[in-house]
C-alpha atoms as a PDB file:
ATOM      1  CA  MET A   1     130.810 216.106 141.551  1.00  0.00           C
ATOM      2  CA  SER A   2     131.645 212.314 140.805  1.00  0.00           C
ATOM      3  CA  TYR A   3     128.832 210.026 140.119  1.00  0.00           C
ATOM      4  CA  SER A   4     128.218 205.893 140.000  1.00  0.00           C
ATOM      5  CA  ILE A   5     128.277 204.712 136.755  1.00  0.00           C
ATOM      6  CA  GLN A   6     124.547 203.760 137.757  1.00  0.00           C
ATOM      7  CA  GLU A   7     124.148 207.440 138.669  1.00  0.00           C
ATOM      8  CA  PHE A   8     125.677 208.847 135.985  1.00  0.00           C
ATOM      9  CA  GLU A   9     123.483 206.924 133.537  1.00  0.00           C
ATOM     10  CA  ASN A  10     120.074 207.684 135.264  1.00  0.00           C
ATOM     11  CA  LYS A  11     120.784 210.888 134.557  1.00  0.00           C
ATOM     12  CA  TYR A  12     121.899 211.107 131.218  1.00  0.00           C
ATOM     13  CA  LEU A  13     119.480 208.693 129.932  1.00  0.00           C
ATOM     14  CA  GLN A  14     117.332 210.552 128.057  1.00  0.00           C
ATOM     15  CA  ASP A  15     120.351 212.693 126.816  1.00  0.00           C
ATOM     16  CA  PHE A  16     121.831 208.926 125.316  1.00  0.00           C
ATOM     17  CA  LYS A  17     118.696 208.000 124.102  1.00  0.00           C
ATOM     18  CA  LYS A  18     118.200 211.720 122.004  1.00  0.00           C
ATOM     19  CA  LEU A  19     121.870 210.694 120.654  1.00  0.00           C
ATOM     20  CA  ARG A  20     120.263 207.319 119.278  1.00  0.00           C
ATOM     21  CA  LEU A  21     117.808 208.209 117.626  1.00  0.00           C
ATOM     22  CA  LEU A  22     119.681 211.317 116.211  1.00  0.00           C
ATOM     23  CA  GLU A  23     122.295 209.115 114.837  1.00  0.00           C
ATOM     24  CA  GLU A  24     120.301 206.539 113.231  1.00  0.00           C
ATOM     25  CA  GLU A  25     118.248 209.996 111.250  1.00  0.00           C
ATOM     26  CA  LYS A  26     121.383 210.928 110.610  1.00  0.00           C
ATOM     27  CA  LYS A  27     122.478 207.651 108.858  1.00  0.00           C
ATOM     28  CA  LYS A  28     119.206 207.533 107.119  1.00  0.00           C
ATOM     29  CA  LEU A  29     119.961 210.807 105.983  1.00  0.00           C
ATOM     30  CA  ASP A  30     122.990 210.031 104.606  1.00  0.00           C
ATOM     31  CA  GLU A  31     122.002 206.757 102.411  1.00  0.00           C
ATOM     32  CA  LEU A  32     118.773 209.379 100.632  1.00  0.00           C
ATOM     33  CA  SER A  33     121.419 211.674 100.375  1.00  0.00           C
ATOM     34  CA  LYS A  34     124.091 209.213  98.568  1.00  0.00           C
ATOM     35  CA  ALA A  35     121.158 208.196  96.608  1.00  0.00           C
ATOM     36  CA  ALA A  36     119.802 211.118  95.635  1.00  0.00           C
ATOM     37  CA  LYS A  37     123.957 212.274  94.260  1.00  0.00           C
ATOM     38  CA  SER A  38     124.041 208.945  92.546  1.00  0.00           C
ATOM     39  CA  GLU A  39     120.807 209.400  90.801  1.00  0.00           C
ATOM     40  CA  LEU A  40     121.928 213.086  89.648  1.00  0.00           C
ATOM     41  CA  LEU A  41     125.605 211.903  88.763  1.00  0.00           C
ATOM     42  CA  GLU A  42     124.386 209.327  86.946  1.00  0.00           C
ATOM     43  CA  ALA A  43     121.284 211.938  84.671  1.00  0.00           C
ATOM     44  CA  MET A  44     124.495 214.335  84.302  1.00  0.00           C
ATOM     45  CA  LEU A  45     126.775 211.566  82.832  1.00  0.00           C
ATOM     46  CA  GLU A  46     124.002 210.930  80.383  1.00  0.00           C
ATOM     47  CA  ALA A  47     123.088 214.144  79.371  1.00  0.00           C
ATOM     48  CA  GLY A  48     126.642 215.410  79.341  1.00  0.00           C
ATOM     49  CA  VAL A  49     126.099 218.397  81.856  1.00  0.00           C
ATOM     50  CA  LYS A  50     129.445 219.006  83.208  1.00  0.00           C
ATOM     51  CA  SER A  51     128.536 221.445  85.727  1.00  0.00           C
ATOM     52  CA  ILE A  52     125.414 223.071  87.216  1.00  0.00           C
ATOM     53  CA  ASP A  53     125.460 226.415  89.070  1.00  0.00           C
ATOM     54  CA  ASN A  54     122.468 227.982  90.193  1.00  0.00           C
ATOM     55  CA  ASP A  55     120.446 229.619  93.665  1.00  0.00           C
ATOM     56  CA  PHE A  56     119.967 226.372  95.483  1.00  0.00           C
ATOM     57  CA  ILE A  57     123.189 223.783  94.418  1.00  0.00           C
ATOM     58  CA  LYS A  58     126.827 224.279  92.486  1.00  0.00           C
ATOM     59  CA  VAL A  59     127.504 220.812  91.748  1.00  0.00           C
ATOM     60  CA  MET A  60     130.265 219.884  89.298  1.00  0.00           C
ATOM     61  CA  VAL A  61     131.263 216.733  87.611  1.00  0.00           C
ATOM     62  CA  THR A  62     134.956 215.276  88.172  1.00  0.00           C
ATOM     63  CA  ASN A  63     136.919 213.318  86.124  1.00  0.00           C
ATOM     64  CA  PRO A  64     137.961 209.715  87.581  1.00  0.00           C
ATOM     65  CA  SER A  65     141.008 209.928  89.274  1.00  0.00           C
ATOM     66  CA  GLU A  66     143.487 207.444  90.759  1.00  0.00           C
ATOM     67  CA  VAL A  67     145.848 207.689  93.818  1.00  0.00           C
ATOM     68  CA  ILE A  68     148.797 205.819  94.714  1.00  0.00           C
ATOM     69  CA  SER A  69     149.944 205.824  98.517  1.00  0.00           C
ATOM     70  CA  VAL A  70     152.441 203.554 100.630  1.00  0.00           C
ATOM     71  CA  ASP A  71     150.504 200.792 102.284  1.00  0.00           C
ATOM     72  CA  LEU A  72     152.173 201.092 105.914  1.00  0.00           C
ATOM     73  CA  LYS A  73     150.727 197.713 107.368  1.00  0.00           C
ATOM     74  CA  ALA A  74     151.995 195.628 104.596  1.00  0.00           C
ATOM     75  CA  PHE A  75     155.085 197.466 104.722  1.00  0.00           C
ATOM     76  CA  GLN A  76     155.423 196.835 108.179  1.00  0.00           C
ATOM     77  CA  LYS A  77     154.533 192.720 108.298  1.00  0.00           C
ATOM     78  CA  LYS A  78     156.628 192.341 105.224  1.00  0.00           C
ATOM     79  CA  GLU A  79     159.908 194.839 106.570  1.00  0.00           C
ATOM     80  CA  PRO A  80     159.637 195.341 109.955  1.00  0.00           C
ATOM     81  CA  VAL A  81     163.086 196.339 110.819  1.00  0.00           C
ATOM     82  CA  ALA A  82     163.415 199.038 108.239  1.00  0.00           C
ATOM     83  CA  TYR A  83     159.651 200.415 109.603  1.00  0.00           C
ATOM     84  CA  ALA A  84     160.893 200.838 113.110  1.00  0.00           C
ATOM     85  CA  GLU A  85     164.026 202.754 111.922  1.00  0.00           C
ATOM     86  CA  LEU A  86     161.665 204.705 109.459  1.00  0.00           C
ATOM     87  CA  LEU A  87     159.180 205.427 112.204  1.00  0.00           C
ATOM     88  CA  GLU A  88     162.297 206.264 114.485  1.00  0.00           C
ATOM     89  CA  ASP A  89     163.995 208.776 111.417  1.00  0.00           C
ATOM     90  CA  TYR A  90     160.508 210.141 110.206  1.00  0.00           C
ATOM     91  CA  PRO A  91     158.298 210.270 113.423  1.00  0.00           C
ATOM     92  CA  LYS A  92     154.841 211.917 112.619  1.00  0.00           C
ATOM     93  CA  VAL A  93     153.000 213.011 115.816  1.00  0.00           C
ATOM     94  CA  THR A  94     149.170 214.150 115.660  1.00  0.00           C
ATOM     95  CA  LYS A  95     147.895 214.880 118.775  1.00  0.00           C
ATOM     96  CA  ARG A  96     143.887 214.413 118.842  1.00  0.00           C
ATOM     97  CA  SER A  97     141.955 216.150 121.502  1.00  0.00           C
ATOM     98  CA  GLU A  98     139.166 214.102 123.925  1.00  0.00           C
ATOM     99  CA  SER A  99     136.241 212.965 122.079  1.00  0.00           C
ATOM    100  CA  LEU A 100     133.080 210.316 121.932  1.00  0.00           C
ATOM    101  CA  ARG A 101     133.111 206.769 120.392  1.00  0.00           C
ATOM    102  CA  ILE A 102     129.773 205.785 120.411  1.00  0.00           C
ATOM    103  CA  THR A 103     128.532 202.565 118.948  1.00  0.00           C
ATOM    104  CA  LEU A 104     124.797 201.926 118.805  1.00  0.00           C
ATOM    105  CA  LYS A 105     123.170 198.728 119.466  1.00  0.00           C
END
């Protein structure tokens, strides 16, 4: 069945509203979770506790680390020919299924 954009929006308006509310709530919960994790990390470091494993949660303080990688965008700007050759010799294809991209307003 095919709908016009207006018909589709009218039919699914409640779903759009519900999704927006859920995404806003998720964002609030993510912020609360981040704050709680930060507070717990600070407390564990201060107390010298490296890990906790109880009935509620398993928490472990990880050591700081550093990751070095290649900045392909910078490489592409500085060396466009070499980048094109590299891409031709070592292509990596990643397939993604259909999905929704949602921007809250």
